[in-house]
Amino acid sequence: MIQDATHKQNKKEIDNWKGETCKNPRGEDDVLFLNSKKRIVDRVLALRPFALNYVPKRAAKYVVELPEGLGKKAGIGDLLQW
């Protein structure tokens, strides 16, 4: 009975999720791909949401999503720090 109540609560939360993490109303983001040393190895400007068929040109360990237009300031080989 407890398991069933937990399942119903989780399903309700999933059904009510509206994508609060998406801050860009058009849905396009700039995406940076970084290697293990946090250097940009590839970037995509204005990537459409759920475009799962994109593969970076070089191996990447990290992915950074930025609001559209902000990725133009970063170039291949640039170092990001956090």
C-alpha atoms as a PDB file:
ATOM      1  CA  MET A   1       0.000   0.000   0.000  1.00  0.00           C
ATOM      2  CA  ILE A   2       2.821   2.439   0.825  1.00  0.00           C
ATOM      3  CA  GLN A   3       4.593   1.558  -2.404  1.00  0.00           C
ATOM      4  CA  ASP A   4       1.409   2.221  -4.395  1.00  0.00           C
ATOM      5  CA  ALA A   5       0.933   5.650  -2.773  1.00  0.00           C
ATOM      6  CA  THR A   6       4.562   6.568  -3.512  1.00  0.00           C
ATOM      7  CA  HIS A   7       4.177   5.493  -7.135  1.00  0.00           C
ATOM      8  CA  LYS A   8       1.047   7.644  -7.535  1.00  0.00           C
ATOM      9  CA  GLN A   9       2.834  10.670  -6.043  1.00  0.00           C
ATOM     10  CA  ASN A  10       5.847  10.220  -8.351  1.00  0.00           C
ATOM     11  CA  LYS A  11       3.592   9.830 -11.392  1.00  0.00           C
ATOM     12  CA  LYS A  12       1.694  12.992 -10.417  1.00  0.00           C
ATOM     13  CA  GLU A  13       4.961  14.955 -10.144  1.00  0.00           C
ATOM     14  CA  ILE A  14       6.131  13.703 -13.549  1.00  0.00           C
ATOM     15  CA  ASP A  15       2.766  14.465 -15.175  1.00  0.00           C
ATOM     16  CA  ASN A  16       2.798  18.008 -13.750  1.00  0.00           C
ATOM     17  CA  TRP A  17       6.400  18.781 -14.766  1.00  0.00           C
ATOM     18  CA  LYS A  18       6.430  21.590 -17.307  1.00  0.00           C
ATOM     19  CA  GLY A  19      10.148  21.927 -18.036  1.00  0.00           C
ATOM     20  CA  GLU A  20      11.031  24.643 -15.553  1.00  0.00           C
ATOM     21  CA  THR A  21      14.700  24.288 -16.468  1.00  0.00           C
ATOM     22  CA  CYS A  22      14.088  25.696 -19.969  1.00  0.00           C
ATOM     23  CA  LYS A  23      14.580  29.442 -19.694  1.00  0.00           C
ATOM     24  CA  ASN A  24      14.576  30.214 -23.414  1.00  0.00           C
ATOM     25  CA  PRO A  25      10.991  30.545 -24.695  1.00  0.00           C
ATOM     26  CA  ARG A  26      12.035  29.701 -28.263  1.00  0.00           C
ATOM     27  CA  GLY A  27      13.721  26.618 -26.939  1.00  0.00           C
ATOM     28  CA  GLU A  28      17.012  27.008 -28.808  1.00  0.00           C
ATOM     29  CA  ASP A  29      20.253  27.043 -26.855  1.00  0.00           C
ATOM     30  CA  ASP A  30      23.927  27.344 -27.660  1.00  0.00           C
ATOM     31  CA  VAL A  31      25.805  24.230 -26.596  1.00  0.00           C
ATOM     32  CA  LEU A  32      29.500  23.919 -25.805  1.00  0.00           C
ATOM     33  CA  PHE A  33      31.289  20.579 -25.660  1.00  0.00           C
ATOM     34  CA  LEU A  34      34.374  20.449 -23.421  1.00  0.00           C
ATOM     35  CA  ASN A  35      37.125  17.885 -22.993  1.00  0.00           C
ATOM     36  CA  SER A  36      38.396  16.633 -19.628  1.00  0.00           C
ATOM     37  CA  LYS A  37      40.635  19.717 -19.322  1.00  0.00           C
ATOM     38  CA  LYS A  38      37.566  21.981 -19.749  1.00  0.00           C
ATOM     39  CA  ARG A  39      38.655  23.238 -23.181  1.00  0.00           C
ATOM     40  CA  ILE A  40      35.981  23.733 -25.816  1.00  0.00           C
ATOM     41  CA  VAL A  41      36.293  21.051 -28.481  1.00  0.00           C
ATOM     42  CA  ASP A  42      33.053  21.854 -30.334  1.00  0.00           C
ATOM     43  CA  ARG A  43      30.098  24.209 -30.173  1.00  0.00           C
ATOM     44  CA  VAL A  44      26.640  24.360 -31.679  1.00  0.00           C
ATOM     45  CA  LEU A  45      24.769  27.635 -31.948  1.00  0.00           C
ATOM     46  CA  ALA A  46      20.963  27.639 -31.700  1.00  0.00           C
ATOM     47  CA  LEU A  47      20.552  23.904 -31.159  1.00  0.00           C
ATOM     48  CA  ARG A  48      16.916  22.897 -31.209  1.00  0.00           C
ATOM     49  CA  PRO A  49      15.536  21.083 -28.172  1.00  0.00           C
ATOM     50  CA  PHE A  50      15.683  17.291 -28.227  1.00  0.00           C
ATOM     51  CA  ALA A  51      18.143  17.290 -31.145  1.00  0.00           C
ATOM     52  CA  LEU A  52      19.658  14.035 -29.962  1.00  0.00           C
ATOM     53  CA  ASN A  53      21.328  13.225 -33.229  1.00  0.00           C
ATOM     54  CA  TYR A  54      24.225  15.687 -32.814  1.00  0.00           C
ATOM     55  CA  VAL A  55      27.644  14.182 -32.111  1.00  0.00           C
ATOM     56  CA  PRO A  56      30.538  16.523 -31.243  1.00  0.00           C
ATOM     57  CA  LYS A  57      33.466  16.582 -33.664  1.00  0.00           C
ATOM     58  CA  ARG A  58      35.896  15.574 -30.897  1.00  0.00           C
ATOM     59  CA  ALA A  59      35.480  13.554 -27.718  1.00  0.00           C
ATOM     60  CA  ALA A  60      33.814  15.566 -24.952  1.00  0.00           C
ATOM     61  CA  LYS A  61      33.416  15.008 -21.227  1.00  0.00           C
ATOM     62  CA  TYR A  62      31.250  18.038 -20.380  1.00  0.00           C
ATOM     63  CA  VAL A  63      28.313  19.771 -22.040  1.00  0.00           C
ATOM     64  CA  VAL A  64      27.425  23.379 -21.243  1.00  0.00           C
ATOM     65  CA  GLU A  65      24.092  24.839 -22.348  1.00  0.00           C
ATOM     66  CA  LEU A  66      23.858  28.615 -22.734  1.00  0.00           C
ATOM     67  CA  PRO A  67      21.095  30.993 -23.771  1.00  0.00           C
ATOM     68  CA  GLU A  68      21.063  31.523 -27.514  1.00  0.00           C
ATOM     69  CA  GLY A  69      23.687  34.042 -28.647  1.00  0.00           C
ATOM     70  CA  LEU A  70      26.016  33.664 -25.677  1.00  0.00           C
ATOM     71  CA  GLY A  71      27.968  30.819 -27.307  1.00  0.00           C
ATOM     72  CA  LYS A  72      29.261  33.183 -30.004  1.00  0.00           C
ATOM     73  CA  LYS A  73      31.640  34.643 -27.426  1.00  0.00           C
ATOM     74  CA  ALA A  74      33.364  31.278 -26.908  1.00  0.00           C
ATOM     75  CA  GLY A  75      35.712  29.717 -29.419  1.00  0.00           C
ATOM     76  CA  ILE A  76      37.192  26.301 -30.010  1.00  0.00           C
ATOM     77  CA  GLY A  77      40.153  25.836 -27.676  1.00  0.00           C
ATOM     78  CA  ASP A  78      38.925  28.344 -25.081  1.00  0.00           C
ATOM     79  CA  LEU A  79      39.269  27.247 -21.452  1.00  0.00           C
ATOM     80  CA  LEU A  80      36.253  27.389 -19.147  1.00  0.00           C
ATOM     81  CA  GLN A  81      36.739  27.513 -15.397  1.00  0.00           C
ATOM     82  CA  TRP A  82      34.388  26.655 -12.583  1.00  0.00           C
END
